[in-house]
C-alpha atoms as a PDB file:
ATOM      1  CA  MET A   1       0.000   0.000   0.000  1.00  0.00           C
ATOM      2  CA  THR A   2       1.495   3.263  -1.103  1.00  0.00           C
ATOM      3  CA  VAL A   3       0.139   6.689  -0.511  1.00  0.00           C
ATOM      4  CA  GLN A   4       0.669   9.126  -3.269  1.00  0.00           C
ATOM      5  CA  VAL A   5       0.465  12.784  -2.378  1.00  0.00           C
ATOM      6  CA  ASP A   6       0.578  15.350  -5.062  1.00  0.00           C
ATOM      7  CA  PHE A   7       2.728  18.471  -4.510  1.00  0.00           C
ATOM      8  CA  TRP A   8      -0.304  20.775  -4.439  1.00  0.00           C
ATOM      9  CA  GLN A   9      -2.036  18.557  -1.919  1.00  0.00           C
ATOM     10  CA  LEU A  10       1.085  18.666   0.268  1.00  0.00           C
ATOM     11  CA  VAL A  11       1.151  22.472   0.040  1.00  0.00           C
ATOM     12  CA  LEU A  12      -2.576  22.591   0.873  1.00  0.00           C
ATOM     13  CA  LEU A  13      -2.052  20.365   3.956  1.00  0.00           C
ATOM     14  CA  LEU A  14       0.854  22.539   5.055  1.00  0.00           C
ATOM     15  CA  VAL A  15      -1.220  25.712   4.633  1.00  0.00           C
ATOM     16  CA  ALA A  16      -4.120  24.140   6.552  1.00  0.00           C
ATOM     17  CA  PHE A  17      -1.792  23.069   9.377  1.00  0.00           C
ATOM     18  CA  LEU A  18      -0.211  26.536   9.579  1.00  0.00           C
ATOM     19  CA  GLY A  19      -3.687  28.102   9.575  1.00  0.00           C
ATOM     20  CA  ALA A  20      -4.763  25.836  12.445  1.00  0.00           C
ATOM     21  CA  CYS A  21      -1.586  26.742  14.354  1.00  0.00           C
ATOM     22  CA  ALA A  22      -2.222  30.448  13.737  1.00  0.00           C
ATOM     23  CA  ALA A  23      -5.840  30.146  14.900  1.00  0.00           C
ATOM     24  CA  THR A  24      -4.765  28.284  18.042  1.00  0.00           C
ATOM     25  CA  PHE A  25      -2.069  30.890  18.688  1.00  0.00           C
ATOM     26  CA  ARG A  26      -4.587  33.747  18.331  1.00  0.00           C
ATOM     27  CA  TYR A  27      -7.025  31.958  20.656  1.00  0.00           C
ATOM     28  CA  VAL A  28      -4.324  31.429  23.327  1.00  0.00           C
ATOM     29  CA  MET A  29      -3.173  35.048  22.970  1.00  0.00           C
ATOM     30  CA  GLY A  30      -6.776  36.224  23.399  1.00  0.00           C
ATOM     31  CA  LEU A  31      -7.086  34.193  26.602  1.00  0.00           C
ATOM     32  CA  LEU A  32      -3.805  35.622  27.874  1.00  0.00           C
ATOM     33  CA  GLN A  33      -4.949  39.141  26.981  1.00  0.00           C
ATOM     34  CA  ASN A  34      -8.200  38.662  28.918  1.00  0.00           C
ATOM     35  CA  HIS A  35      -6.279  37.262  31.875  1.00  0.00           C
ATOM     36  CA  PHE A  36      -3.851  40.208  31.842  1.00  0.00           C
ATOM     37  CA  ASP A  37      -6.736  42.682  31.548  1.00  0.00           C
ATOM     38  CA  THR A  38      -8.516  41.255  34.603  1.00  0.00           C
ATOM     39  CA  THR A  39      -5.241  41.146  36.529  1.00  0.00           C
ATOM     40  CA  LEU A  40      -4.474  44.772  35.670  1.00  0.00           C
ATOM     41  CA  LYS A  41      -7.997  45.827  36.647  1.00  0.00           C
ATOM     42  CA  GLY A  42      -7.452  44.172  40.025  1.00  0.00           C
ATOM     43  CA  ILE A  43      -4.117  45.937  40.402  1.00  0.00           C
ATOM     44  CA  ASP A  44      -5.719  49.250  39.429  1.00  0.00           C
ATOM     45  CA  ASN A  45      -8.416  48.740  42.070  1.00  0.00           C
ATOM     46  CA  ARG A  46      -5.768  47.978  44.682  1.00  0.00           C
ATOM     47  CA  LEU A  47      -3.759  51.028  43.662  1.00  0.00           C
ATOM     48  CA  ILE A  48      -6.851  53.209  43.953  1.00  0.00           C
ATOM     49  CA  SER A  49      -7.517  51.861  47.443  1.00  0.00           C
ATOM     50  CA  ILE A  50      -3.856  52.407  48.394  1.00  0.00           C
ATOM     51  CA  GLU A  51      -4.050  55.997  47.133  1.00  0.00           C
ATOM     52  CA  ALA A  52      -7.199  56.595  49.176  1.00  0.00           C
ATOM     53  CA  THR A  53      -5.522  55.138  52.262  1.00  0.00           C
ATOM     54  CA  ASN A  54      -2.463  57.282  51.591  1.00  0.00           C
ATOM     55  CA  LYS A  55      -4.606  60.424  51.384  1.00  0.00           C
ATOM     56  CA  GLU A  56      -6.245  59.524  54.699  1.00  0.00           C
ATOM     57  CA  GLU A  57      -2.838  58.996  56.313  1.00  0.00           C
ATOM     58  CA  VAL A  58      -1.591  62.330  54.973  1.00  0.00           C
ATOM     59  CA  ALA A  59      -4.650  64.050  56.439  1.00  0.00           C
ATOM     60  CA  GLN A  60      -4.048  62.349  59.787  1.00  0.00           C
ATOM     61  CA  TRP A  61      -0.349  63.333  59.800  1.00  0.00           C
ATOM     62  CA  GLN A  62      -1.313  66.913  58.979  1.00  0.00           C
ATOM     63  CA  ARG A  63      -3.717  66.889  61.916  1.00  0.00           C
ATOM     64  CA  VAL A  64      -0.974  65.511  64.186  1.00  0.00           C
ATOM     65  CA  GLU A  65       1.463  68.192  62.982  1.00  0.00           C
ATOM     66  CA  ARG A  66      -1.133  70.917  63.540  1.00  0.00           C
ATOM     67  CA  ASP A  67      -1.821  69.619  67.061  1.00  0.00           C
ATOM     68  CA  LEU A  68       1.914  69.490  67.775  1.00  0.00           C
ATOM     69  CA  MET A  69       2.417  73.052  66.570  1.00  0.00           C
ATOM     70  CA  GLU A  70      -0.518  74.176  68.746  1.00  0.00           C
ATOM     71  CA  LEU A  71       1.051  72.414  71.735  1.00  0.00           C
ATOM     72  CA  LYS A  72       4.396  74.076  71.006  1.00  0.00           C
ATOM     73  CA  SER A  73       2.729  77.470  70.909  1.00  0.00           C
ATOM     74  CA  GLN A  74       0.912  76.893  74.226  1.00  0.00           C
ATOM     75  CA  LEU A  75       3.822  75.232  75.991  1.00  0.00           C
ATOM     76  CA  PRO A  76       5.709  78.398  77.020  1.00  0.00           C
ATOM     77  CA  ILE A  77       2.514  79.822  78.502  1.00  0.00           C
ATOM     78  CA  ASN A  78       1.590  76.752  80.571  1.00  0.00           C
ATOM     79  CA  TYR A  79       5.003  75.367  81.492  1.00  0.00           C
ATOM     80  CA  VAL A  80       7.516  76.612  84.042  1.00  0.00           C
ATOM     81  CA  ARG A  81      10.957  75.080  84.094  1.00  0.00           C
ATOM     82  CA  ARG A  82      12.207  73.643  87.350  1.00  0.00           C
ATOM     83  CA  GLU A  83      15.134  76.061  87.507  1.00  0.00           C
ATOM     84  CA  ASP A  84      12.775  79.020  87.031  1.00  0.00           C
ATOM     85  CA  TYR A  85      10.540  77.759  89.819  1.00  0.00           C
ATOM     86  CA  ILE A  86      13.495  77.246  92.157  1.00  0.00           C
ATOM     87  CA  ARG A  87      14.827  80.739  91.362  1.00  0.00           C
ATOM     88  CA  GLY A  88      11.411  82.260  92.065  1.00  0.00           C
ATOM     89  CA  GLN A  89      11.098  80.365  95.311  1.00  0.00           C
ATOM     90  CA  SER A  90      14.591  81.458  96.363  1.00  0.00           C
ATOM     91  CA  VAL A  91      13.702  85.111  95.795  1.00  0.00           C
ATOM     92  CA  ILE A  92      10.479  84.747  97.802  1.00  0.00           C
ATOM     93  CA  GLU A  93      12.291  82.971 100.642  1.00  0.00           C
ATOM     94  CA  ALA A  94      15.026  85.627 100.699  1.00  0.00           C
ATOM     95  CA  LYS A  95      12.400  88.342 100.968  1.00  0.00           C
ATOM     96  CA  LEU A  96      10.629  86.447 103.759  1.00  0.00           C
ATOM     97  CA  ASP A  97      13.943  85.992 105.573  1.00  0.00           C
ATOM     98  CA  GLY A  98      14.635  89.720 105.276  1.00  0.00           C
ATOM     99  CA  LEU A  99      11.165  90.541 106.568  1.00  0.00           C
ATOM    100  CA  ALA A 100      11.583  88.095 109.462  1.00  0.00           C
ATOM    101  CA  MET A 101      14.928  89.697 110.293  1.00  0.00           C
ATOM    102  CA  LYS A 102      13.347  93.181 110.372  1.00  0.00           C
ATOM    103  CA  ILE A 103      10.523  91.943 112.616  1.00  0.00           C
ATOM    104  CA  GLU A 104      13.052  90.271 114.919  1.00  0.00           C
ATOM    105  CA  ASN A 105      15.148  93.454 115.075  1.00  0.00           C
ATOM    106  CA  GLN A 106      12.022  95.486 115.907  1.00  0.00           C
ATOM    107  CA  GLN A 107      11.122  93.042 118.675  1.00  0.00           C
ATOM    108  CA  LEU A 108      14.663  93.222 120.089  1.00  0.00           C
ATOM    109  CA  ARG A 109      14.563  97.037 120.029  1.00  0.00           C
ATOM    110  CA  ALA A 110      11.211  97.049 121.759  1.00  0.00           C
ATOM    111  CA  LEU A 111      12.540  94.617 124.362  1.00  0.00           C
ATOM    112  CA  ASN A 112      15.672  96.751 124.919  1.00  0.00           C
ATOM    113  CA  ALA A 113      13.577  99.925 125.174  1.00  0.00           C
ATOM    114  CA  SER A 114      11.279  98.369 127.792  1.00  0.00           C
ATOM    115  CA  GLN A 115      14.226  97.157 129.903  1.00  0.00           C
ATOM    116  CA  LYS A 116      15.805 100.570 130.165  1.00  0.00           C
END
Protein backbone atom coordinates (compact mmCIF):
# COMPACT_ATOMS: atom_id res chain seq x y z
CA MET A 1 0.00 0.00 0.00
CA THR A 2 1.49 3.26 -1.10
CA VAL A 3 0.14 6.69 -0.51
CA GLN A 4 0.67 9.13 -3.27
CA VAL A 5 0.46 12.78 -2.38
CA ASP A 6 0.58 15.35 -5.06
CA PHE A 7 2.73 18.47 -4.51
CA TRP A 8 -0.30 20.78 -4.44
CA GLN A 9 -2.04 18.56 -1.92
CA LEU A 10 1.09 18.67 0.27
CA VAL A 11 1.15 22.47 0.04
CA LEU A 12 -2.58 22.59 0.87
CA LEU A 13 -2.05 20.37 3.96
CA LEU A 14 0.85 22.54 5.05
CA VAL A 15 -1.22 25.71 4.63
CA ALA A 16 -4.12 24.14 6.55
CA PHE A 17 -1.79 23.07 9.38
CA LEU A 18 -0.21 26.54 9.58
CA GLY A 19 -3.69 28.10 9.58
CA ALA A 20 -4.76 25.84 12.45
CA CYS A 21 -1.59 26.74 14.35
CA ALA A 22 -2.22 30.45 13.74
CA ALA A 23 -5.84 30.15 14.90
CA THR A 24 -4.77 28.28 18.04
CA PHE A 25 -2.07 30.89 18.69
CA ARG A 26 -4.59 33.75 18.33
CA TYR A 27 -7.02 31.96 20.66
CA VAL A 28 -4.32 31.43 23.33
CA MET A 29 -3.17 35.05 22.97
CA GLY A 30 -6.78 36.22 23.40
CA LEU A 31 -7.09 34.19 26.60
CA LEU A 32 -3.81 35.62 27.87
CA GLN A 33 -4.95 39.14 26.98
CA ASN A 34 -8.20 38.66 28.92
CA HIS A 35 -6.28 37.26 31.88
CA PHE A 36 -3.85 40.21 31.84
CA ASP A 37 -6.74 42.68 31.55
CA THR A 38 -8.52 41.26 34.60
CA THR A 39 -5.24 41.15 36.53
CA LEU A 40 -4.47 44.77 35.67
CA LYS A 41 -8.00 45.83 36.65
CA GLY A 42 -7.45 44.17 40.02
CA ILE A 43 -4.12 45.94 40.40
CA ASP A 44 -5.72 49.25 39.43
CA ASN A 45 -8.42 48.74 42.07
CA ARG A 46 -5.77 47.98 44.68
CA LEU A 47 -3.76 51.03 43.66
CA ILE A 48 -6.85 53.21 43.95
CA SER A 49 -7.52 51.86 47.44
CA ILE A 50 -3.86 52.41 48.39
CA GLU A 51 -4.05 56.00 47.13
CA ALA A 52 -7.20 56.60 49.18
CA THR A 53 -5.52 55.14 52.26
CA ASN A 54 -2.46 57.28 51.59
CA LYS A 55 -4.61 60.42 51.38
CA GLU A 56 -6.25 59.52 54.70
CA GLU A 57 -2.84 59.00 56.31
CA VAL A 58 -1.59 62.33 54.97
CA ALA A 59 -4.65 64.05 56.44
CA GLN A 60 -4.05 62.35 59.79
CA TRP A 61 -0.35 63.33 59.80
CA GLN A 62 -1.31 66.91 58.98
CA ARG A 63 -3.72 66.89 61.92
CA VAL A 64 -0.97 65.51 64.19
CA GLU A 65 1.46 68.19 62.98
CA ARG A 66 -1.13 70.92 63.54
CA ASP A 67 -1.82 69.62 67.06
CA LEU A 68 1.91 69.49 67.77
CA MET A 69 2.42 73.05 66.57
CA GLU A 70 -0.52 74.18 68.75
CA LEU A 71 1.05 72.41 71.73
CA LYS A 72 4.40 74.08 71.01
CA SER A 73 2.73 77.47 70.91
CA GLN A 74 0.91 76.89 74.23
CA LEU A 75 3.82 75.23 75.99
CA PRO A 76 5.71 78.40 77.02
CA ILE A 77 2.51 79.82 78.50
CA ASN A 78 1.59 76.75 80.57
CA TYR A 79 5.00 75.37 81.49
CA VAL A 80 7.52 76.61 84.04
CA ARG A 81 10.96 75.08 84.09
CA ARG A 82 12.21 73.64 87.35
CA GLU A 83 15.13 76.06 87.51
CA ASP A 84 12.78 79.02 87.03
CA TYR A 85 10.54 77.76 89.82
CA ILE A 86 13.50 77.25 92.16
CA ARG A 87 14.83 80.74 91.36
CA GLY A 88 11.41 82.26 92.07
CA GLN A 89 11.10 80.36 95.31
CA SER A 90 14.59 81.46 96.36
CA VAL A 91 13.70 85.11 95.79
CA ILE A 92 10.48 84.75 97.80
CA GLU A 93 12.29 82.97 100.64
CA ALA A 94 15.03 85.63 100.70
CA LYS A 95 12.40 88.34 100.97
CA LEU A 96 10.63 86.45 103.76
CA ASP A 97 13.94 85.99 105.57
CA GLY A 98 14.63 89.72 105.28
CA LEU A 99 11.17 90.54 106.57
CA ALA A 100 11.58 88.09 109.46
CA MET A 101 14.93 89.70 110.29
CA LYS A 102 13.35 93.18 110.37
CA ILE A 103 10.52 91.94 112.62
CA GLU A 104 13.05 90.27 114.92
CA ASN A 105 15.15 93.45 115.08
CA GLN A 106 12.02 95.49 115.91
CA GLN A 107 11.12 93.04 118.67
CA LEU A 108 14.66 93.22 120.09
CA ARG A 109 14.56 97.04 120.03
CA ALA A 110 11.21 97.05 121.76
CA LEU A 111 12.54 94.62 124.36
CA ASN A 112 15.67 96.75 124.92
CA ALA A 113 13.58 99.93 125.17
CA SER A 114 11.28 98.37 127.79
CA GLN A 115 14.23 97.16 129.90
CA LYS A 116 15.80 100.57 130.16
